[in-house]
Amino acid sequence: MGARIRQARLRIKPEISQFDLAGRLAARGVDLDRPTITRIENGKRFLRDYEIKAFAKALKVSVAWLFGER
């Protein structure tokens, strides 16, 4: 899932940084810093269900897309 998060983050125009993504998540009540987002994108940290939902909304993708579904 981390690779999909990175892919979604970089395909937004203009691309958003991990720091900016952390801000978008904070606005949705999920407090993750940039190093944590790096670990998520590298597959070294798993996500909780509410975090997955917040990532999907912040990146304007569906939860299903984050799981690799179409």
C-alpha atoms as a PDB file:
ATOM      1  CA  MET A   1       0.000   0.000   0.000  1.00  0.00           C
ATOM      2  CA  GLY A   2       2.892   2.362   0.663  1.00  0.00           C
ATOM      3  CA  ALA A   3       3.901   2.344  -2.994  1.00  0.00           C
ATOM      4  CA  ARG A   4       0.333   3.276  -3.991  1.00  0.00           C
ATOM      5  CA  ILE A   5       0.369   6.167  -1.511  1.00  0.00           C
ATOM      6  CA  ARG A   6       3.625   7.439  -3.006  1.00  0.00           C
ATOM      7  CA  GLN A   7       2.255   7.013  -6.528  1.00  0.00           C
ATOM      8  CA  ALA A   8      -0.894   8.981  -5.687  1.00  0.00           C
ATOM      9  CA  ARG A   9       1.112  11.710  -3.944  1.00  0.00           C
ATOM     10  CA  LEU A  10       3.376  12.186  -6.944  1.00  0.00           C
ATOM     11  CA  ARG A  11       0.652  12.123  -9.584  1.00  0.00           C
ATOM     12  CA  ILE A  12      -1.216  15.062  -8.057  1.00  0.00           C
ATOM     13  CA  LYS A  13      -0.367  18.198 -10.014  1.00  0.00           C
ATOM     14  CA  PRO A  14       1.501  19.947  -8.658  1.00  0.00           C
ATOM     15  CA  GLU A  15       3.062  17.067  -6.746  1.00  0.00           C
ATOM     16  CA  ILE A  16       2.731  17.304  -2.990  1.00  0.00           C
ATOM     17  CA  SER A  17       5.592  16.656  -0.629  1.00  0.00           C
ATOM     18  CA  GLN A  18       5.455  14.285   2.294  1.00  0.00           C
ATOM     19  CA  PHE A  19       5.421  17.347   4.545  1.00  0.00           C
ATOM     20  CA  ASP A  20       2.372  18.720   2.699  1.00  0.00           C
ATOM     21  CA  LEU A  21       0.686  15.323   2.915  1.00  0.00           C
ATOM     22  CA  ALA A  22       1.300  15.316   6.673  1.00  0.00           C
ATOM     23  CA  GLY A  23      -0.523  18.664   6.819  1.00  0.00           C
ATOM     24  CA  ARG A  24      -3.472  17.311   4.826  1.00  0.00           C
ATOM     25  CA  LEU A  25      -3.673  14.323   7.167  1.00  0.00           C
ATOM     26  CA  ALA A  26      -3.472  16.561  10.243  1.00  0.00           C
ATOM     27  CA  ALA A  27      -6.437  18.540   8.890  1.00  0.00           C
ATOM     28  CA  ARG A  28      -8.334  15.225   8.955  1.00  0.00           C
ATOM     29  CA  GLY A  29      -7.296  14.445  12.527  1.00  0.00           C
ATOM     30  CA  VAL A  30      -4.454  12.031  11.712  1.00  0.00           C
ATOM     31  CA  ASP A  31      -1.144  13.172  13.166  1.00  0.00           C
ATOM     32  CA  LEU A  32       1.704  11.617  11.160  1.00  0.00           C
ATOM     33  CA  ASP A  33       5.032  13.342  10.577  1.00  0.00           C
ATOM     34  CA  ARG A  34       7.157  13.229   7.432  1.00  0.00           C
ATOM     35  CA  PRO A  35       9.499  10.456   8.659  1.00  0.00           C
ATOM     36  CA  THR A  36       6.475   8.283   9.436  1.00  0.00           C
ATOM     37  CA  ILE A  37       5.092   8.868   5.941  1.00  0.00           C
ATOM     38  CA  THR A  38       8.497   7.841   4.550  1.00  0.00           C
ATOM     39  CA  ARG A  39       8.318   4.577   6.523  1.00  0.00           C
ATOM     40  CA  ILE A  40       4.770   3.979   5.261  1.00  0.00           C
ATOM     41  CA  GLU A  41       5.803   4.590   1.644  1.00  0.00           C
ATOM     42  CA  ASN A  42       8.761   2.227   2.091  1.00  0.00           C
ATOM     43  CA  GLY A  43       6.553  -0.507   3.556  1.00  0.00           C
ATOM     44  CA  LYS A  44       8.170  -0.348   6.997  1.00  0.00           C
ATOM     45  CA  ARG A  45       5.068   0.806   8.844  1.00  0.00           C
ATOM     46  CA  PHE A  46       1.563  -0.551   8.553  1.00  0.00           C
ATOM     47  CA  LEU A  47      -1.547   1.604   8.547  1.00  0.00           C
ATOM     48  CA  ARG A  48      -4.568   1.556  10.794  1.00  0.00           C
ATOM     49  CA  ASP A  49      -8.006   1.572   9.198  1.00  0.00           C
ATOM     50  CA  TYR A  50      -8.728   5.216  10.011  1.00  0.00           C
ATOM     51  CA  GLU A  51      -5.338   6.218   8.587  1.00  0.00           C
ATOM     52  CA  ILE A  52      -6.085   4.451   5.296  1.00  0.00           C
ATOM     53  CA  LYS A  53      -9.339   6.369   4.990  1.00  0.00           C
ATOM     54  CA  ALA A  54      -7.573   9.679   5.737  1.00  0.00           C
ATOM     55  CA  PHE A  55      -4.856   8.958   3.155  1.00  0.00           C
ATOM     56  CA  ALA A  56      -7.492   8.173   0.533  1.00  0.00           C
ATOM     57  CA  LYS A  57      -9.323  11.442   1.184  1.00  0.00           C
ATOM     58  CA  ALA A  58      -6.134  13.517   1.361  1.00  0.00           C
ATOM     59  CA  LEU A  59      -4.889  12.049  -1.925  1.00  0.00           C
ATOM     60  CA  LYS A  60      -8.326  12.061  -3.610  1.00  0.00           C
ATOM     61  CA  VAL A  61      -8.306   8.350  -4.387  1.00  0.00           C
ATOM     62  CA  SER A  62     -10.509   5.519  -3.214  1.00  0.00           C
ATOM     63  CA  VAL A  63      -9.590   3.116  -0.452  1.00  0.00           C
ATOM     64  CA  ALA A  64      -9.987   0.325  -3.013  1.00  0.00           C
ATOM     65  CA  TRP A  65      -7.391   2.012  -5.251  1.00  0.00           C
ATOM     66  CA  LEU A  66      -4.927   2.144  -2.364  1.00  0.00           C
ATOM     67  CA  PHE A  67      -5.368  -1.619  -2.014  1.00  0.00           C
ATOM     68  CA  GLY A  68      -4.594  -2.088  -5.707  1.00  0.00           C
ATOM     69  CA  GLU A  69      -8.148  -2.630  -6.863  1.00  0.00           C
ATOM     70  CA  ARG A  70      -9.661  -0.827  -9.823  1.00  0.00           C
END
